[in-house]
Amino acid sequence: MATEVIQDASMNRFELLVDGQSVGELDYQIRDNTIVITHTEIDPAQQGGGLGGELVRGALNLIRAETDYRVIPVCPFTGPWIDRHPEFQDLLTR
């Protein structure tokens, strides 16, 4: 199973692809120098296998590598996920 996280800036989302097929999305809004993560969703048929975390990790890695945005997670999945992964805490205070 090959996975990849891509950004679709025209739709304000990151997508998780599994073997080339979209199985999840992370929606966001840009506000000044912040990126507000509003929603994360994995296809119900694919849930329970860690793909949500993989989507969040991939999106945060892209945000870190390609922007100077501070992350504000209002999504009820993403906020607690970041809390459990201290390697991403710096994105909250940029």
N, C-alpha and C. Protein backbone atom coordinates (compact mmCIF):
# COMPACT_ATOMS: atom_id res chain seq x y z
N MET A 1 0.84 -1.17 0.00
CA MET A 1 0.00 0.00 0.00
C MET A 1 0.89 1.24 0.00
N ALA A 2 0.85 1.99 -1.07
CA ALA A 2 1.62 3.23 -1.19
C ALA A 2 0.73 4.41 -0.83
N THR A 3 1.23 5.25 0.09
CA THR A 3 0.46 6.43 0.49
C THR A 3 1.22 7.70 0.16
N GLU A 4 0.45 8.77 -0.04
CA GLU A 4 1.03 10.07 -0.35
C GLU A 4 0.04 11.14 0.10
N VAL A 5 0.56 12.22 0.67
CA VAL A 5 -0.26 13.38 1.01
C VAL A 5 0.07 14.48 0.01
N ILE A 6 -0.98 15.02 -0.59
CA ILE A 6 -0.83 16.10 -1.56
C ILE A 6 -1.69 17.27 -1.13
N GLN A 7 -1.34 18.45 -1.62
CA GLN A 7 -2.13 19.64 -1.33
C GLN A 7 -2.90 20.05 -2.57
N ASP A 8 -4.17 20.36 -2.38
CA ASP A 8 -5.00 20.95 -3.42
C ASP A 8 -5.35 22.35 -2.94
N ALA A 9 -4.48 23.31 -3.22
CA ALA A 9 -4.64 24.67 -2.72
C ALA A 9 -5.92 25.32 -3.24
N SER A 10 -6.36 24.95 -4.43
CA SER A 10 -7.58 25.54 -4.98
C SER A 10 -8.82 25.14 -4.17
N MET A 11 -8.74 24.04 -3.46
CA MET A 11 -9.85 23.56 -2.63
C MET A 11 -9.57 23.75 -1.14
N ASN A 12 -8.42 24.34 -0.79
CA ASN A 12 -8.03 24.52 0.61
C ASN A 12 -8.06 23.19 1.36
N ARG A 13 -7.33 22.21 0.82
CA ARG A 13 -7.30 20.91 1.48
C ARG A 13 -6.03 20.15 1.13
N PHE A 14 -5.72 19.24 2.01
CA PHE A 14 -4.71 18.23 1.76
C PHE A 14 -5.47 16.92 1.58
N GLU A 15 -4.96 16.06 0.71
CA GLU A 15 -5.60 14.77 0.47
C GLU A 15 -4.61 13.65 0.75
N LEU A 16 -5.13 12.56 1.27
CA LEU A 16 -4.34 11.35 1.45
C LEU A 16 -4.71 10.39 0.33
N LEU A 17 -3.69 10.01 -0.44
CA LEU A 17 -3.88 9.03 -1.51
C LEU A 17 -3.31 7.70 -1.08
N VAL A 18 -4.07 6.64 -1.30
CA VAL A 18 -3.61 5.28 -1.08
C VAL A 18 -3.67 4.58 -2.44
N ASP A 19 -2.50 4.17 -2.89
CA ASP A 19 -2.40 3.55 -4.22
C ASP A 19 -3.07 4.43 -5.28
N GLY A 20 -2.88 5.76 -5.16
CA GLY A 20 -3.37 6.71 -6.15
C GLY A 20 -4.82 7.13 -5.97
N GLN A 21 -5.54 6.55 -5.02
CA GLN A 21 -6.95 6.88 -4.80
C GLN A 21 -7.10 7.72 -3.53
N SER A 22 -7.89 8.78 -3.61
CA SER A 22 -8.13 9.64 -2.45
C SER A 22 -8.97 8.89 -1.42
N VAL A 23 -8.46 8.83 -0.18
CA VAL A 23 -9.20 8.18 0.90
C VAL A 23 -9.44 9.11 2.08
N GLY A 24 -8.91 10.33 2.00
CA GLY A 24 -9.12 11.26 3.11
C GLY A 24 -8.76 12.67 2.73
N GLU A 25 -9.29 13.60 3.55
CA GLU A 25 -8.99 15.01 3.30
C GLU A 25 -8.88 15.75 4.63
N LEU A 26 -8.06 16.77 4.59
CA LEU A 26 -7.87 17.69 5.71
C LEU A 26 -8.12 19.08 5.16
N ASP A 27 -9.18 19.72 5.64
CA ASP A 27 -9.57 21.03 5.14
C ASP A 27 -8.97 22.12 6.01
N TYR A 28 -8.69 23.27 5.40
CA TYR A 28 -8.08 24.38 6.13
C TYR A 28 -8.53 25.71 5.57
N GLN A 29 -8.26 26.76 6.35
CA GLN A 29 -8.46 28.14 5.93
C GLN A 29 -7.18 28.90 6.22
N ILE A 30 -6.80 29.79 5.33
CA ILE A 30 -5.63 30.64 5.53
C ILE A 30 -6.13 31.98 6.08
N ARG A 31 -5.55 32.41 7.19
CA ARG A 31 -5.89 33.71 7.79
C ARG A 31 -4.59 34.40 8.15
N ASP A 32 -4.25 35.41 7.40
CA ASP A 32 -2.99 36.15 7.61
C ASP A 32 -1.82 35.16 7.60
N ASN A 33 -1.11 35.02 8.72
CA ASN A 33 0.05 34.13 8.78
C ASN A 33 -0.27 32.82 9.49
N THR A 34 -1.56 32.42 9.46
CA THR A 34 -1.95 31.17 10.11
C THR A 34 -2.69 30.27 9.12
N ILE A 35 -2.64 28.99 9.41
CA ILE A 35 -3.44 28.02 8.70
C ILE A 35 -4.32 27.34 9.75
N VAL A 36 -5.61 27.49 9.59
CA VAL A 36 -6.58 26.95 10.54
C VAL A 36 -7.08 25.62 9.99
N ILE A 37 -6.80 24.54 10.70
CA ILE A 37 -7.25 23.22 10.27
C ILE A 37 -8.65 23.01 10.81
N THR A 38 -9.61 22.90 9.89
CA THR A 38 -11.02 22.89 10.26
C THR A 38 -11.68 21.52 10.27
N HIS A 39 -11.14 20.59 9.50
CA HIS A 39 -11.83 19.30 9.37
C HIS A 39 -10.87 18.25 8.82
N THR A 40 -10.94 17.06 9.38
CA THR A 40 -10.18 15.92 8.88
C THR A 40 -11.14 14.75 8.74
N GLU A 41 -11.08 14.07 7.60
CA GLU A 41 -12.00 12.96 7.36
C GLU A 41 -11.32 11.87 6.55
N ILE A 42 -11.55 10.63 6.97
CA ILE A 42 -11.08 9.46 6.24
C ILE A 42 -12.31 8.68 5.78
N ASP A 43 -12.25 8.15 4.58
CA ASP A 43 -13.33 7.31 4.05
C ASP A 43 -13.70 6.26 5.12
N PRO A 44 -14.98 6.14 5.46
CA PRO A 44 -15.38 5.19 6.51
C PRO A 44 -14.89 3.76 6.27
N ALA A 45 -14.79 3.35 5.02
CA ALA A 45 -14.32 2.00 4.71
C ALA A 45 -12.84 1.83 5.02
N GLN A 46 -12.11 2.93 5.22
CA GLN A 46 -10.67 2.90 5.45
C GLN A 46 -10.29 3.26 6.89
N GLN A 47 -11.27 3.56 7.73
CA GLN A 47 -10.98 4.02 9.09
C GLN A 47 -10.45 2.90 9.97
N GLY A 48 -9.70 3.31 10.99
CA GLY A 48 -9.20 2.36 11.97
C GLY A 48 -7.82 1.83 11.69
N GLY A 49 -7.21 2.25 10.61
CA GLY A 49 -5.89 1.74 10.25
C GLY A 49 -4.77 2.76 10.39
N GLY A 50 -5.04 3.88 11.06
CA GLY A 50 -4.01 4.89 11.24
C GLY A 50 -3.88 5.89 10.11
N LEU A 51 -4.79 5.86 9.16
CA LEU A 51 -4.68 6.75 8.01
C LEU A 51 -4.94 8.21 8.38
N GLY A 52 -5.79 8.44 9.38
CA GLY A 52 -6.04 9.82 9.82
C GLY A 52 -4.76 10.46 10.33
N GLY A 53 -4.02 9.72 11.14
CA GLY A 53 -2.74 10.23 11.63
C GLY A 53 -1.74 10.43 10.51
N GLU A 54 -1.75 9.54 9.55
CA GLU A 54 -0.85 9.67 8.42
C GLU A 54 -1.17 10.93 7.60
N LEU A 55 -2.46 11.21 7.45
CA LEU A 55 -2.88 12.42 6.74
C LEU A 55 -2.43 13.67 7.49
N VAL A 56 -2.67 13.71 8.80
CA VAL A 56 -2.28 14.88 9.59
C VAL A 56 -0.76 15.06 9.56
N ARG A 57 -0.02 13.98 9.78
CA ARG A 57 1.45 14.06 9.76
C ARG A 57 1.95 14.58 8.42
N GLY A 58 1.43 14.06 7.32
CA GLY A 58 1.85 14.51 6.00
C GLY A 58 1.53 15.96 5.74
N ALA A 59 0.32 16.38 6.16
CA ALA A 59 -0.07 17.78 5.96
C ALA A 59 0.83 18.70 6.78
N LEU A 60 1.07 18.35 8.04
CA LEU A 60 1.92 19.19 8.89
C LEU A 60 3.35 19.25 8.36
N ASN A 61 3.85 18.14 7.85
CA ASN A 61 5.19 18.16 7.26
C ASN A 61 5.25 19.08 6.05
N LEU A 62 4.21 19.08 5.23
CA LEU A 62 4.18 19.99 4.07
C LEU A 62 4.06 21.44 4.52
N ILE A 63 3.23 21.70 5.52
CA ILE A 63 3.10 23.07 6.05
C ILE A 63 4.45 23.55 6.56
N ARG A 64 5.14 22.71 7.32
CA ARG A 64 6.46 23.07 7.87
C ARG A 64 7.47 23.35 6.75
N ALA A 65 7.48 22.50 5.74
CA ALA A 65 8.49 22.60 4.69
C ALA A 65 8.24 23.75 3.72
N GLU A 66 6.97 24.09 3.50
CA GLU A 66 6.64 25.01 2.42
C GLU A 66 6.12 26.37 2.86
N THR A 67 5.86 26.55 4.17
CA THR A 67 5.30 27.82 4.64
C THR A 67 5.94 28.22 5.97
N ASP A 68 5.60 29.43 6.39
CA ASP A 68 5.94 29.90 7.73
C ASP A 68 4.68 30.02 8.59
N TYR A 69 3.59 29.42 8.15
CA TYR A 69 2.32 29.54 8.85
C TYR A 69 2.37 28.93 10.24
N ARG A 70 1.66 29.58 11.15
CA ARG A 70 1.38 28.99 12.46
C ARG A 70 0.11 28.16 12.28
N VAL A 71 0.06 27.00 12.90
CA VAL A 71 -1.07 26.10 12.78
C VAL A 71 -2.03 26.31 13.95
N ILE A 72 -3.31 26.44 13.61
CA ILE A 72 -4.37 26.50 14.62
C ILE A 72 -5.31 25.33 14.33
N PRO A 73 -5.26 24.27 15.14
CA PRO A 73 -6.12 23.12 14.89
C PRO A 73 -7.45 23.24 15.62
N VAL A 74 -8.52 23.54 14.90
CA VAL A 74 -9.85 23.55 15.50
C VAL A 74 -10.59 22.24 15.26
N CYS A 75 -10.06 21.43 14.40
CA CYS A 75 -10.62 20.10 14.11
C CYS A 75 -10.48 19.22 15.36
N PRO A 76 -11.55 18.52 15.77
CA PRO A 76 -11.47 17.69 16.97
C PRO A 76 -10.57 16.46 16.84
N PHE A 77 -10.15 16.12 15.65
CA PHE A 77 -9.17 15.03 15.48
C PHE A 77 -7.75 15.58 15.50
N THR A 78 -7.52 16.64 14.77
CA THR A 78 -6.17 17.17 14.59
C THR A 78 -5.59 17.75 15.87
N GLY A 79 -6.37 18.50 16.63
CA GLY A 79 -5.86 19.10 17.87
C GLY A 79 -5.30 18.07 18.83
N PRO A 80 -6.08 17.06 19.21
CA PRO A 80 -5.55 16.02 20.10
C PRO A 80 -4.39 15.23 19.49
N TRP A 81 -4.40 15.06 18.17
CA TRP A 81 -3.31 14.34 17.53
C TRP A 81 -2.01 15.12 17.72
N ILE A 82 -2.04 16.44 17.51
CA ILE A 82 -0.85 17.26 17.70
C ILE A 82 -0.41 17.22 19.17
N ASP A 83 -1.36 17.22 20.09
CA ASP A 83 -1.03 17.13 21.52
C ASP A 83 -0.23 15.86 21.82
N ARG A 84 -0.52 14.77 21.13
CA ARG A 84 0.17 13.50 21.36
C ARG A 84 1.49 13.37 20.61
N HIS A 85 1.81 14.35 19.77
CA HIS A 85 3.02 14.29 18.94
C HIS A 85 3.84 15.57 19.14
N PRO A 86 4.68 15.58 20.15
CA PRO A 86 5.42 16.80 20.50
C PRO A 86 6.33 17.32 19.40
N GLU A 87 6.69 16.50 18.45
CA GLU A 87 7.55 16.96 17.37
C GLU A 87 6.86 17.99 16.47
N PHE A 88 5.55 18.17 16.65
CA PHE A 88 4.81 19.14 15.86
C PHE A 88 4.34 20.35 16.68
N GLN A 89 4.65 20.38 17.96
CA GLN A 89 4.21 21.46 18.85
C GLN A 89 4.72 22.83 18.39
N ASP A 90 5.92 22.87 17.80
CA ASP A 90 6.46 24.16 17.36
C ASP A 90 5.59 24.84 16.31
N LEU A 91 4.82 24.09 15.57
CA LEU A 91 3.96 24.69 14.55
C LEU A 91 2.84 25.53 15.16
N LEU A 92 2.53 25.29 16.43
CA LEU A 92 1.47 26.02 17.10
C LEU A 92 1.91 27.41 17.55
N THR A 93 3.22 27.65 17.57
CA THR A 93 3.73 28.91 18.13
C THR A 93 4.60 29.67 17.15
N ARG A 94 4.61 29.34 15.92
CA ARG A 94 5.45 30.03 14.92
C ARG A 94 5.14 31.49 14.85
